[in-house]
Each structure stands twice: as structure tokens, then as C-alpha cells.
Amino acid sequence: MKKSEWRVRLGGEPDRDLLASFTCADPAVPFQAEVEQFCQRQLLDWALAPGAAEDDPRLLLLVVTATGDLIGVAAHERKSLHGPSGAPFNATVLEVIALATKWQGRSFESGERASDVLMSAVMVDVASRVPPRDAHVLAVVHEENERSLGLLRRHGLTQEMSRPAPEYRRFVTP
């Protein structure tokens, strides 16, 4: 697939059925199934919730241009967090980054990994928000999700914060 055959676009209400049929998990792996169910059942409501507007939620879809097939889903929002000293700082929280099962581990004809294309689009979108909010980008990932851990490292989320739960790790850009 050539680079010109895919695009990243904003998701919205017309994508409800597309998201409801999105598959990105091995159902036998609970943390993967949790992400898939979130994408299918809750993500669009999260992005469109009237009360969430203050957090500037963004839903991005990576799609095949010719067919509209969904390759990946990403979402992020603005949050105020607290560092180790207790001091607050503004950050962008990555709500979800997920690739369709058939695209996991795949690259486009150009050599770009589908996961890197999606993550790069997210990082560009974060950097373009007004007011700026790309100084700190935060993600939470299951400790056994090696592919996601590698993706975060490749895109600069390398500083580990305290764990929100024993099996989950939290990373932020330095």
C-alpha cells in the first residue's frame, strides 16, 4: 500500500458503526479485549461528550482512502496532572492508540509501520493544538504489551511515572 492510499481524519458520529465493528484484540488477552471493547462501545461517546469539551478530546482514525476501512484508532485529551513533587503540570493524555488486528506488525509499501504512522499523526495533532499542549504527553500501557511499549519509546514517551495499578505502566515525554 502506498502512502497516498491512507489518511488520518477526525472521527465523529457518522463513524459509530465503523467503530462498533473495529477489532484489535485477541479475545483471550484481557487487557487487549478491554481496549477493543472501549473502542467499540465507549470511545465515540467519550469524544463527543458535551462536558468533555474543556479537555479538547480528539478522536483520530487511520483509514484506507479507497475503501474507508479502519486501520487504526487514536484519541487524546488535555489534562492537568501532578508530578512526583505534587506540583501540577499540563499534559496530553493518550486515551487510546489501537491498530486493527490485521494491521498489527504491518508496514505500508513505503516501509513505514502502520503503528508509527498513527502515533506520528497523534503527536502532530497534539503539537498543533491551541493553546499548545505537547510539552508532556502521557500514556498508560499494560506491562505485557511489548508492541505498545516499543511504540511509546520510539515516539519519546520514555520517562516512567508511578504505576496507576500493579500491571500497568505510565510513561510521559521528558
C-alpha atoms as a PDB file:
ATOM      1  CA  MET A   1       0.000   0.000   0.000  1.00  0.00           C
ATOM      2  CA  LYS A   2       1.411   3.392  -0.956  1.00  0.00           C
ATOM      3  CA  LYS A   3       1.401   6.331   1.409  1.00  0.00           C
ATOM      4  CA  SER A   4      -1.184   8.104  -0.733  1.00  0.00           C
ATOM      5  CA  GLU A   5      -3.623   5.234  -0.131  1.00  0.00           C
ATOM      6  CA  TRP A   6      -4.251   6.016   3.540  1.00  0.00           C
ATOM      7  CA  ARG A   7      -5.177   9.093   5.501  1.00  0.00           C
ATOM      8  CA  VAL A   8      -5.792  10.213   9.058  1.00  0.00           C
ATOM      9  CA  ARG A   9      -9.057  12.008   9.711  1.00  0.00           C
ATOM     10  CA  LEU A  10     -11.155  13.150  12.628  1.00  0.00           C
ATOM     11  CA  GLY A  11     -13.729  10.686  13.861  1.00  0.00           C
ATOM     12  CA  GLY A  12     -17.311  11.647  14.612  1.00  0.00           C
ATOM     13  CA  GLU A  13     -20.894  10.482  14.966  1.00  0.00           C
ATOM     14  CA  PRO A  14     -21.059   9.046  11.403  1.00  0.00           C
ATOM     15  CA  ASP A  15     -18.298   6.603  12.458  1.00  0.00           C
ATOM     16  CA  ARG A  16     -20.342   4.864  15.163  1.00  0.00           C
ATOM     17  CA  ASP A  17     -20.894   1.667  13.109  1.00  0.00           C
ATOM     18  CA  LEU A  18     -17.286   1.677  11.908  1.00  0.00           C
ATOM     19  CA  LEU A  19     -16.027   1.822  15.488  1.00  0.00           C
ATOM     20  CA  ALA A  20     -18.557  -0.755  16.690  1.00  0.00           C
ATOM     21  CA  SER A  21     -17.058  -3.292  14.284  1.00  0.00           C
ATOM     22  CA  PHE A  22     -13.401  -2.385  14.981  1.00  0.00           C
ATOM     23  CA  THR A  23     -11.342  -5.402  16.081  1.00  0.00           C
ATOM     24  CA  CYS A  24      -7.894  -5.011  17.582  1.00  0.00           C
ATOM     25  CA  ALA A  25      -7.621  -7.764  20.190  1.00  0.00           C
ATOM     26  CA  ASP A  26      -7.036 -11.376  20.920  1.00  0.00           C
ATOM     27  CA  PRO A  27     -10.173 -12.069  22.998  1.00  0.00           C
ATOM     28  CA  ALA A  28      -8.131 -14.397  25.227  1.00  0.00           C
ATOM     29  CA  VAL A  29      -5.923 -11.498  26.371  1.00  0.00           C
ATOM     30  CA  PRO A  30      -7.921  -9.423  28.882  1.00  0.00           C
ATOM     31  CA  PHE A  31      -6.015  -6.138  28.506  1.00  0.00           C
ATOM     32  CA  GLN A  32      -6.395  -6.306  24.720  1.00  0.00           C
ATOM     33  CA  ALA A  33     -10.099  -7.149  24.945  1.00  0.00           C
ATOM     34  CA  GLU A  34     -10.583  -4.173  27.278  1.00  0.00           C
ATOM     35  CA  VAL A  35      -9.123  -1.793  24.673  1.00  0.00           C
ATOM     36  CA  GLU A  36     -11.227  -3.290  21.890  1.00  0.00           C
ATOM     37  CA  GLN A  37     -14.435  -3.017  23.917  1.00  0.00           C
ATOM     38  CA  PHE A  38     -13.613   0.592  24.795  1.00  0.00           C
ATOM     39  CA  CYS A  39     -13.102   1.440  21.104  1.00  0.00           C
ATOM     40  CA  GLN A  40     -16.305  -0.331  20.086  1.00  0.00           C
ATOM     41  CA  ARG A  41     -18.641   0.793  22.874  1.00  0.00           C
ATOM     42  CA  GLN A  42     -17.375   3.941  24.581  1.00  0.00           C
ATOM     43  CA  LEU A  43     -14.784   5.856  22.571  1.00  0.00           C
ATOM     44  CA  LEU A  44     -17.165   7.870  20.432  1.00  0.00           C
ATOM     45  CA  ASP A  45     -19.279   8.863  23.448  1.00  0.00           C
ATOM     46  CA  TRP A  46     -16.059   9.846  25.252  1.00  0.00           C
ATOM     47  CA  ALA A  47     -15.007  12.045  22.321  1.00  0.00           C
ATOM     48  CA  LEU A  48     -18.408  13.683  21.851  1.00  0.00           C
ATOM     49  CA  ALA A  49     -19.447  14.160  25.478  1.00  0.00           C
ATOM     50  CA  PRO A  50     -20.562  17.796  25.924  1.00  0.00           C
ATOM     51  CA  GLY A  51     -18.856  18.054  29.316  1.00  0.00           C
ATOM     52  CA  ALA A  52     -15.560  16.895  27.847  1.00  0.00           C
ATOM     53  CA  ALA A  53     -15.177  19.885  25.518  1.00  0.00           C
ATOM     54  CA  GLU A  54     -12.990  21.696  28.064  1.00  0.00           C
ATOM     55  CA  ASP A  55     -10.450  18.844  27.806  1.00  0.00           C
ATOM     56  CA  ASP A  56     -10.337  19.206  23.988  1.00  0.00           C
ATOM     57  CA  PRO A  57     -10.849  15.494  23.239  1.00  0.00           C
ATOM     58  CA  ARG A  58      -9.654  14.382  19.800  1.00  0.00           C
ATOM     59  CA  LEU A  59     -10.560  11.165  18.005  1.00  0.00           C
ATOM     60  CA  LEU A  60      -8.368  10.295  15.020  1.00  0.00           C
ATOM     61  CA  LEU A  61      -8.989   7.476  12.570  1.00  0.00           C
ATOM     62  CA  LEU A  62      -6.392   5.995  10.217  1.00  0.00           C
ATOM     63  CA  VAL A  63      -8.312   4.723   7.192  1.00  0.00           C
ATOM     64  CA  VAL A  64      -7.684   3.203   3.777  1.00  0.00           C
ATOM     65  CA  THR A  65      -8.502   6.026   1.368  1.00  0.00           C
ATOM     66  CA  ALA A  66     -10.173   3.958  -1.363  1.00  0.00           C
ATOM     67  CA  THR A  67     -12.374   1.782   0.873  1.00  0.00           C
ATOM     68  CA  GLY A  68     -12.716   3.626   4.174  1.00  0.00           C
ATOM     69  CA  ASP A  69     -11.517   0.503   6.026  1.00  0.00           C
ATOM     70  CA  LEU A  70     -10.376   1.358   9.527  1.00  0.00           C
ATOM     71  CA  ILE A  71      -6.671   0.675  10.115  1.00  0.00           C
ATOM     72  CA  GLY A  72      -6.305   2.351  13.495  1.00  0.00           C
ATOM     73  CA  VAL A  73      -7.911   4.459  16.185  1.00  0.00           C
ATOM     74  CA  ALA A  74      -6.302   7.088  18.401  1.00  0.00           C
ATOM     75  CA  ALA A  75      -7.648   9.546  20.935  1.00  0.00           C
ATOM     76  CA  HIS A  76      -6.155  12.137  23.249  1.00  0.00           C
ATOM     77  CA  GLU A  77      -7.216  14.952  25.565  1.00  0.00           C
ATOM     78  CA  ARG A  78      -5.806  17.779  27.653  1.00  0.00           C
ATOM     79  CA  LYS A  79      -5.406  17.124  31.392  1.00  0.00           C
ATOM     80  CA  SER A  80      -3.803  18.708  34.421  1.00  0.00           C
ATOM     81  CA  LEU A  81      -1.637  16.164  36.251  1.00  0.00           C
ATOM     82  CA  HIS A  82       0.536  16.157  39.345  1.00  0.00           C
ATOM     83  CA  GLY A  83       4.245  15.322  39.309  1.00  0.00           C
ATOM     84  CA  PRO A  84       6.226  13.479  41.987  1.00  0.00           C
ATOM     85  CA  SER A  85       6.589  16.698  43.994  1.00  0.00           C
ATOM     86  CA  GLY A  86       2.829  17.249  43.867  1.00  0.00           C
ATOM     87  CA  ALA A  87       3.178  20.262  41.588  1.00  0.00           C
ATOM     88  CA  PRO A  88       0.561  20.351  38.808  1.00  0.00           C
ATOM     89  CA  PHE A  89       1.527  20.335  35.146  1.00  0.00           C
ATOM     90  CA  ASN A  90      -0.452  20.361  31.910  1.00  0.00           C
ATOM     91  CA  ALA A  91      -0.263  17.283  29.732  1.00  0.00           C
ATOM     92  CA  THR A  92      -1.902  15.474  26.887  1.00  0.00           C
ATOM     93  CA  VAL A  93      -3.208  12.062  27.863  1.00  0.00           C
ATOM     94  CA  LEU A  94      -3.304   9.422  25.149  1.00  0.00           C
ATOM     95  CA  GLU A  95      -6.661   7.775  25.768  1.00  0.00           C
ATOM     96  CA  VAL A  96      -6.125   5.002  23.227  1.00  0.00           C
ATOM     97  CA  ILE A  97      -3.870   4.010  20.335  1.00  0.00           C
ATOM     98  CA  ALA A  98      -5.075   0.826  18.631  1.00  0.00           C
ATOM     99  CA  LEU A  99      -4.463  -0.900  15.312  1.00  0.00           C
ATOM    100  CA  ALA A 100      -6.877  -3.274  13.647  1.00  0.00           C
ATOM    101  CA  THR A 101      -5.812  -6.868  14.162  1.00  0.00           C
ATOM    102  CA  LYS A 102      -4.895  -7.386  10.515  1.00  0.00           C
ATOM    103  CA  TRP A 103      -2.626  -4.291  10.597  1.00  0.00           C
ATOM    104  CA  GLN A 104      -0.682  -5.130  13.750  1.00  0.00           C
ATOM    105  CA  GLY A 105       3.002  -5.547  12.926  1.00  0.00           C
ATOM    106  CA  ARG A 106       2.468  -4.468   9.310  1.00  0.00           C
ATOM    107  CA  SER A 107       4.120  -1.729   7.307  1.00  0.00           C
ATOM    108  CA  PHE A 108       2.973   0.255   4.325  1.00  0.00           C
ATOM    109  CA  GLU A 109       4.736  -0.196   0.989  1.00  0.00           C
ATOM    110  CA  SER A 110       6.802   2.885   1.835  1.00  0.00           C
ATOM    111  CA  GLY A 111       8.306   0.970   4.772  1.00  0.00           C
ATOM    112  CA  GLU A 112       6.508   2.989   7.441  1.00  0.00           C
ATOM    113  CA  ARG A 113       4.968   0.907  10.199  1.00  0.00           C
ATOM    114  CA  ALA A 114       1.219   1.407  10.435  1.00  0.00           C
ATOM    115  CA  SER A 115       1.609   1.928  14.195  1.00  0.00           C
ATOM    116  CA  ASP A 116       4.229   4.652  13.661  1.00  0.00           C
ATOM    117  CA  VAL A 117       2.050   6.413  11.085  1.00  0.00           C
ATOM    118  CA  LEU A 118      -0.814   6.510  13.588  1.00  0.00           C
ATOM    119  CA  MET A 119       1.366   7.592  16.512  1.00  0.00           C
ATOM    120  CA  SER A 120       3.090  10.265  14.404  1.00  0.00           C
ATOM    121  CA  ALA A 121      -0.312  11.642  13.424  1.00  0.00           C
ATOM    122  CA  VAL A 122      -1.275  11.822  17.091  1.00  0.00           C
ATOM    123  CA  MET A 123       1.934  13.608  18.053  1.00  0.00           C
ATOM    124  CA  VAL A 124       1.482  16.125  15.210  1.00  0.00           C
ATOM    125  CA  ASP A 125      -2.126  16.696  16.254  1.00  0.00           C
ATOM    126  CA  VAL A 126      -1.079  17.221  19.882  1.00  0.00           C
ATOM    127  CA  ALA A 127       1.611  19.706  18.826  1.00  0.00           C
ATOM    128  CA  SER A 128      -0.876  21.675  16.722  1.00  0.00           C
ATOM    129  CA  ARG A 129      -3.438  22.229  19.490  1.00  0.00           C
ATOM    130  CA  VAL A 130      -4.076  25.785  20.621  1.00  0.00           C
ATOM    131  CA  PRO A 131      -3.115  26.516  23.288  1.00  0.00           C
ATOM    132  CA  PRO A 132      -0.036  24.298  22.887  1.00  0.00           C
ATOM    133  CA  ARG A 133      -0.097  21.106  24.898  1.00  0.00           C
ATOM    134  CA  ASP A 134       2.734  18.986  23.580  1.00  0.00           C
ATOM    135  CA  ALA A 135       5.227  19.672  26.379  1.00  0.00           C
ATOM    136  CA  HIS A 136       4.146  16.486  28.188  1.00  0.00           C
ATOM    137  CA  VAL A 137       2.384  13.546  26.574  1.00  0.00           C
ATOM    138  CA  LEU A 138       1.284  10.722  28.870  1.00  0.00           C
ATOM    139  CA  ALA A 139       0.221   7.145  28.163  1.00  0.00           C
ATOM    140  CA  VAL A 140      -0.759   4.174  30.301  1.00  0.00           C
ATOM    141  CA  VAL A 141       0.006   0.706  28.956  1.00  0.00           C
ATOM    142  CA  HIS A 142      -0.189  -2.862  30.263  1.00  0.00           C
ATOM    143  CA  GLU A 143       3.264  -4.122  31.228  1.00  0.00           C
ATOM    144  CA  GLU A 144       2.915  -7.167  28.928  1.00  0.00           C
ATOM    145  CA  ASN A 145       2.049  -5.069  25.867  1.00  0.00           C
ATOM    146  CA  GLU A 146       5.532  -5.119  24.327  1.00  0.00           C
ATOM    147  CA  ARG A 147       4.470  -3.625  20.987  1.00  0.00           C
ATOM    148  CA  SER A 148       2.893  -0.608  22.659  1.00  0.00           C
ATOM    149  CA  LEU A 149       5.869  -0.166  24.966  1.00  0.00           C
ATOM    150  CA  GLY A 150       8.149  -0.094  21.915  1.00  0.00           C
ATOM    151  CA  LEU A 151       5.863   2.365  20.127  1.00  0.00           C
ATOM    152  CA  LEU A 152       5.943   4.722  23.105  1.00  0.00           C
ATOM    153  CA  ARG A 153       9.747   4.576  23.282  1.00  0.00           C
ATOM    154  CA  ARG A 154      10.076   5.278  19.545  1.00  0.00           C
ATOM    155  CA  HIS A 155       7.942   8.403  19.961  1.00  0.00           C
ATOM    156  CA  GLY A 156       9.654   9.836  23.018  1.00  0.00           C
ATOM    157  CA  LEU A 157       7.485   8.615  25.900  1.00  0.00           C
ATOM    158  CA  THR A 158      10.415   7.338  27.915  1.00  0.00           C
ATOM    159  CA  GLN A 159      10.096   8.747  31.419  1.00  0.00           C
ATOM    160  CA  GLU A 160       8.256   6.319  33.674  1.00  0.00           C
ATOM    161  CA  MET A 161       5.971   7.694  36.356  1.00  0.00           C
ATOM    162  CA  SER A 162       4.327   5.861  39.245  1.00  0.00           C
ATOM    163  CA  ARG A 163       2.153   2.930  38.268  1.00  0.00           C
ATOM    164  CA  PRO A 164      -1.607   3.528  38.331  1.00  0.00           C
ATOM    165  CA  ALA A 165      -2.085  -0.223  39.003  1.00  0.00           C
ATOM    166  CA  PRO A 166       0.409  -3.064  39.550  1.00  0.00           C
ATOM    167  CA  GLU A 167       0.124  -4.417  35.985  1.00  0.00           C
ATOM    168  CA  TYR A 168       0.060  -1.034  34.205  1.00  0.00           C
ATOM    169  CA  ARG A 169       2.923   1.345  33.480  1.00  0.00           C
ATOM    170  CA  ARG A 170       2.639   5.092  32.936  1.00  0.00           C
ATOM    171  CA  PHE A 171       5.045   6.931  30.647  1.00  0.00           C
ATOM    172  CA  VAL A 172       5.431  10.615  29.816  1.00  0.00           C
ATOM    173  CA  THR A 173       7.639  12.603  27.477  1.00  0.00           C
ATOM    174  CA  PRO A 174      10.562  14.182  29.388  1.00  0.00           C
END
